[in-house]
Amino acid sequence: MNPLTLKIRIEEQIKRMKQAERLRPTLLSQTVYISTLGLVMVFPIIGGAYLGNWIDSLIAGYSMRWTLTLLLSGVVVGFFNVYFLIKE
């Protein structure tokens, strides 16, 4: 093996190692990603519950029909949001 080609190959490996080190996910970026997943899941659930409760308060009598319906819809939307975020 030619010493010049060996030197070039070693330099290329060093460049790849430095690039891999720069692209490695940090603790902060992983924490932000997990927090985003949680918020993407929780916001539709809470929004559905509040919207359903508000609609139920407009209807005479005691009813939880809209609250439960929109709460479950928020759960479904939240799971789809998390799925699409992870798939990305």
C-alpha atoms as a PDB file:
ATOM      1  CA  MET A   1       0.000   0.000   0.000  1.00  0.00           C
ATOM      2  CA  ASN A   2       1.272   3.396  -0.954  1.00  0.00           C
ATOM      3  CA  PRO A   3       2.002   5.681   2.043  1.00  0.00           C
ATOM      4  CA  LEU A   4       0.335   8.565   0.226  1.00  0.00           C
ATOM      5  CA  THR A   5      -2.957   6.679  -0.232  1.00  0.00           C
ATOM      6  CA  LEU A   6      -2.788   5.515   3.380  1.00  0.00           C
ATOM      7  CA  LYS A   7      -2.414   9.141   4.503  1.00  0.00           C
ATOM      8  CA  ILE A   8      -5.385  10.213   2.340  1.00  0.00           C
ATOM      9  CA  ARG A   9      -7.568   7.397   3.697  1.00  0.00           C
ATOM     10  CA  ILE A  10      -6.677   8.276   7.291  1.00  0.00           C
ATOM     11  CA  GLU A  11      -7.442  11.954   6.677  1.00  0.00           C
ATOM     12  CA  GLU A  12     -10.821  11.029   5.180  1.00  0.00           C
ATOM     13  CA  GLN A  13     -11.629   8.880   8.199  1.00  0.00           C
ATOM     14  CA  ILE A  14     -10.664  11.725  10.534  1.00  0.00           C
ATOM     15  CA  LYS A  15     -12.977  14.081   8.626  1.00  0.00           C
ATOM     16  CA  ARG A  16     -15.846  11.583   8.870  1.00  0.00           C
ATOM     17  CA  MET A  17     -15.255  11.120  12.595  1.00  0.00           C
ATOM     18  CA  LYS A  18     -15.269  14.882  13.210  1.00  0.00           C
ATOM     19  CA  GLN A  19     -18.453  15.265  11.171  1.00  0.00           C
ATOM     20  CA  ALA A  20     -20.112  12.422  13.105  1.00  0.00           C
ATOM     21  CA  GLU A  21     -19.127  14.125  16.358  1.00  0.00           C
ATOM     22  CA  ARG A  22     -20.730  17.409  15.237  1.00  0.00           C
ATOM     23  CA  LEU A  23     -23.944  15.687  14.123  1.00  0.00           C
ATOM     24  CA  ARG A  24     -24.381  13.600  17.285  1.00  0.00           C
ATOM     25  CA  PRO A  25     -27.579  14.565  19.109  1.00  0.00           C
ATOM     26  CA  THR A  26     -27.000  16.369  22.383  1.00  0.00           C
ATOM     27  CA  LEU A  27     -28.934  15.959  25.614  1.00  0.00           C
ATOM     28  CA  LEU A  28     -30.608  19.330  25.074  1.00  0.00           C
ATOM     29  CA  SER A  29     -31.795  18.460  21.564  1.00  0.00           C
ATOM     30  CA  GLN A  30     -33.157  15.115  22.747  1.00  0.00           C
ATOM     31  CA  THR A  31     -34.950  16.810  25.649  1.00  0.00           C
ATOM     32  CA  VAL A  32     -36.525  19.344  23.288  1.00  0.00           C
ATOM     33  CA  TYR A  33     -37.635  16.515  20.971  1.00  0.00           C
ATOM     34  CA  ILE A  34     -39.273  14.537  23.803  1.00  0.00           C
ATOM     35  CA  SER A  35     -40.957  17.697  25.121  1.00  0.00           C
ATOM     36  CA  THR A  36     -42.301  18.453  21.655  1.00  0.00           C
ATOM     37  CA  LEU A  37     -43.730  14.942  21.427  1.00  0.00           C
ATOM     38  CA  GLY A  38     -45.479  15.443  24.759  1.00  0.00           C
ATOM     39  CA  LEU A  39     -46.937  18.807  23.807  1.00  0.00           C
ATOM     40  CA  VAL A  40     -48.083  17.554  20.417  1.00  0.00           C
ATOM     41  CA  MET A  41     -49.935  14.772  22.227  1.00  0.00           C
ATOM     42  CA  VAL A  42     -51.388  16.808  25.103  1.00  0.00           C
ATOM     43  CA  PHE A  43     -52.609  19.988  23.351  1.00  0.00           C
ATOM     44  CA  PRO A  44     -55.293  18.294  21.203  1.00  0.00           C
ATOM     45  CA  ILE A  45     -56.571  16.347  24.223  1.00  0.00           C
ATOM     46  CA  ILE A  46     -56.865  19.421  26.446  1.00  0.00           C
ATOM     47  CA  GLY A  47     -58.259  21.517  23.597  1.00  0.00           C
ATOM     48  CA  GLY A  48     -60.893  18.882  22.836  1.00  0.00           C
ATOM     49  CA  ALA A  49     -61.900  18.632  26.495  1.00  0.00           C
ATOM     50  CA  TYR A  50     -62.244  22.404  26.901  1.00  0.00           C
ATOM     51  CA  LEU A  51     -64.109  22.838  23.619  1.00  0.00           C
ATOM     52  CA  GLY A  52     -66.451  19.971  24.454  1.00  0.00           C
ATOM     53  CA  ASN A  53     -67.074  21.342  27.934  1.00  0.00           C
ATOM     54  CA  TRP A  54     -67.854  24.764  26.480  1.00  0.00           C
ATOM     55  CA  ILE A  55     -70.302  23.291  23.941  1.00  0.00           C
ATOM     56  CA  ASP A  56     -71.948  21.201  26.678  1.00  0.00           C
ATOM     57  CA  SER A  57     -72.360  24.302  28.854  1.00  0.00           C
ATOM     58  CA  LEU A  58     -74.363  25.947  26.062  1.00  0.00           C
ATOM     59  CA  ILE A  59     -76.843  23.051  26.000  1.00  0.00           C
ATOM     60  CA  ALA A  60     -79.580  22.997  28.639  1.00  0.00           C
ATOM     61  CA  GLY A  61     -79.375  20.168  31.151  1.00  0.00           C
ATOM     62  CA  TYR A  62     -76.473  18.018  32.220  1.00  0.00           C
ATOM     63  CA  SER A  63     -74.665  16.506  29.295  1.00  0.00           C
ATOM     64  CA  MET A  64     -71.137  15.313  28.729  1.00  0.00           C
ATOM     65  CA  ARG A  65     -71.674  14.133  25.185  1.00  0.00           C
ATOM     66  CA  TRP A  66     -69.508  16.749  23.471  1.00  0.00           C
ATOM     67  CA  THR A  67     -66.864  16.690  26.171  1.00  0.00           C
ATOM     68  CA  LEU A  68     -66.309  12.960  25.840  1.00  0.00           C
ATOM     69  CA  THR A  69     -66.547  13.002  22.047  1.00  0.00           C
ATOM     70  CA  LEU A  70     -64.029  15.790  21.608  1.00  0.00           C
ATOM     71  CA  LEU A  71     -61.792  14.380  24.332  1.00  0.00           C
ATOM     72  CA  LEU A  72     -61.567  11.054  22.494  1.00  0.00           C
ATOM     73  CA  SER A  73     -61.106  12.904  19.208  1.00  0.00           C
ATOM     74  CA  GLY A  74     -58.228  14.810  20.821  1.00  0.00           C
ATOM     75  CA  VAL A  75     -56.624  11.522  21.854  1.00  0.00           C
ATOM     76  CA  VAL A  76     -56.854  10.224  18.285  1.00  0.00           C
ATOM     77  CA  VAL A  77     -55.494  13.471  16.827  1.00  0.00           C
ATOM     78  CA  GLY A  78     -52.702  13.469  19.417  1.00  0.00           C
ATOM     79  CA  PHE A  79     -51.625   9.944  18.511  1.00  0.00           C
ATOM     80  CA  PHE A  80     -51.610  10.826  14.818  1.00  0.00           C
ATOM     81  CA  ASN A  81     -49.549  13.938  15.556  1.00  0.00           C
ATOM     82  CA  VAL A  82     -46.979  11.905  17.473  1.00  0.00           C
ATOM     83  CA  TYR A  83     -46.902   9.240  14.764  1.00  0.00           C
ATOM     84  CA  PHE A  84     -46.288  11.755  11.994  1.00  0.00           C
ATOM     85  CA  LEU A  85     -43.666  13.615  14.049  1.00  0.00           C
ATOM     86  CA  ILE A  86     -41.758  10.400  14.742  1.00  0.00           C
ATOM     87  CA  LYS A  87     -42.123   9.250  11.141  1.00  0.00           C
ATOM     88  CA  GLU A  88     -40.504  12.503   9.991  1.00  0.00           C
END
